[in-house]
Amino acid sequence: MACVIQLVVLLYAGPEGLSGLREYESQLIPVLREYGGELLSASRNTAIDSGPDEIHVIQFSHQDQFEAYQKDERVQQLRTKREQYIARKVAFLTNEFH
């Protein structure tokens, strides 16, 4: 069944700091858009020192778009470099809204 899905992603910057995180995003976001994905929000955490550096909310219109995005060769290649850009990532996926 096709339905809207959202991801809430907590990102902790890697060794290259926020500039590295921006570099990583600049490579992924165009691919995300090709699959109908949209970065709804990218906010910086300024309240908690030990929390994530950024919080992203990403939306896809259909689960199959998200799955195709994940399988894209460019996304797979960037995953091998992710450690230099992202120290830690926590993601939550939902398709239930109220």
Protein backbone atom coordinates (compact mmCIF):
# COMPACT_ATOMS: atom_id res chain seq x y z
CA MET A 1 0.00 0.00 0.00
CA ALA A 2 1.41 3.38 -1.01
CA CYS A 3 1.31 6.15 1.56
CA VAL A 4 3.16 9.24 2.68
CA ILE A 5 6.13 8.50 4.89
CA GLN A 6 8.26 10.83 6.96
CA LEU A 7 11.69 10.37 8.44
CA VAL A 8 12.94 12.33 11.41
CA VAL A 9 16.72 12.11 11.41
CA LEU A 10 19.00 13.21 14.23
CA LEU A 11 22.50 13.91 12.89
CA TYR A 12 25.69 14.21 14.89
CA ALA A 13 28.50 15.82 12.88
CA GLY A 14 31.60 13.77 12.17
CA PRO A 15 35.28 14.76 12.13
CA GLU A 16 34.70 17.43 9.48
CA GLY A 17 32.10 19.19 11.66
CA LEU A 18 29.10 21.06 10.32
CA SER A 19 30.89 21.94 7.08
CA GLY A 20 31.30 18.22 6.39
CA LEU A 21 27.66 17.65 7.20
CA ARG A 22 26.70 20.37 4.69
CA GLU A 23 28.91 18.73 2.06
CA TYR A 24 27.20 15.38 2.62
CA GLU A 25 23.75 16.99 2.42
CA SER A 26 24.63 18.86 -0.77
CA GLN A 27 25.37 15.53 -2.45
CA LEU A 28 22.32 13.65 -1.14
CA ILE A 29 19.52 16.21 -1.43
CA PRO A 30 19.50 16.37 -5.27
CA VAL A 31 19.23 12.56 -5.40
CA LEU A 32 16.48 12.65 -2.77
CA ARG A 33 14.50 15.07 -4.95
CA GLU A 34 14.87 12.82 -8.01
CA TYR A 35 12.89 10.19 -6.11
CA GLY A 36 10.16 12.57 -5.00
CA GLY A 37 11.67 13.14 -1.56
CA GLU A 38 11.51 16.51 0.12
CA LEU A 39 13.56 17.93 2.96
CA LEU A 40 10.75 19.57 4.92
CA SER A 41 12.95 20.90 7.69
CA ALA A 42 16.61 21.06 8.60
CA SER A 43 17.17 22.69 11.95
CA ARG A 44 20.20 23.14 14.12
CA ASN A 45 20.13 22.08 17.74
CA THR A 46 21.14 25.07 19.84
CA ALA A 47 19.59 23.97 23.15
CA ILE A 48 21.48 20.86 24.24
CA ASP A 49 25.24 20.42 24.02
CA SER A 50 25.11 16.63 23.97
CA GLY A 51 22.23 16.37 21.50
CA PRO A 52 22.31 16.10 17.72
CA ASP A 53 23.87 18.87 15.66
CA GLU A 54 20.96 18.87 13.22
CA ILE A 55 17.44 17.51 13.00
CA HIS A 56 15.97 16.75 9.57
CA VAL A 57 12.41 15.96 8.59
CA ILE A 58 12.20 14.25 5.18
CA GLN A 59 9.06 13.18 3.36
CA PHE A 60 8.33 10.82 0.49
CA SER A 61 4.90 10.48 -1.14
CA HIS A 62 5.23 6.70 -1.38
CA GLN A 63 7.20 3.96 0.36
CA ASP A 64 8.47 2.69 -2.99
CA GLN A 65 10.07 6.08 -3.73
CA PHE A 66 11.97 5.89 -0.45
CA GLU A 67 13.08 2.33 -1.13
CA ALA A 68 14.27 3.26 -4.64
CA TYR A 69 16.19 6.23 -3.20
CA GLN A 70 17.95 3.97 -0.71
CA LYS A 71 19.00 1.61 -3.51
CA ASP A 72 20.34 4.37 -5.77
CA GLU A 73 24.01 3.81 -6.61
CA ARG A 74 24.98 7.38 -5.62
CA VAL A 75 23.39 6.97 -2.20
CA GLN A 76 25.18 3.64 -1.76
CA GLN A 77 28.52 5.22 -2.69
CA LEU A 78 28.04 8.06 -0.23
CA ARG A 79 27.29 5.61 2.56
CA THR A 80 30.90 4.44 2.33
CA LYS A 81 32.03 8.01 3.05
CA ARG A 82 29.43 8.73 5.71
CA GLU A 83 31.83 8.23 8.64
CA GLN A 84 33.82 11.33 7.69
CA TYR A 85 30.64 13.42 7.62
CA ILE A 86 28.43 11.87 10.29
CA ALA A 87 29.56 10.49 13.64
CA ARG A 88 26.12 9.19 14.53
CA LYS A 89 22.66 9.08 12.98
CA VAL A 90 19.36 8.18 14.61
CA ALA A 91 16.36 7.89 12.28
CA PHE A 92 12.65 7.41 12.90
CA LEU A 93 10.28 6.40 10.10
CA THR A 94 6.54 6.88 10.27
CA ASN A 95 3.49 6.65 8.06
CA GLU A 96 0.95 7.23 10.81
CA PHE A 97 -0.18 10.81 11.31
CA HIS A 98 -2.93 12.31 13.46
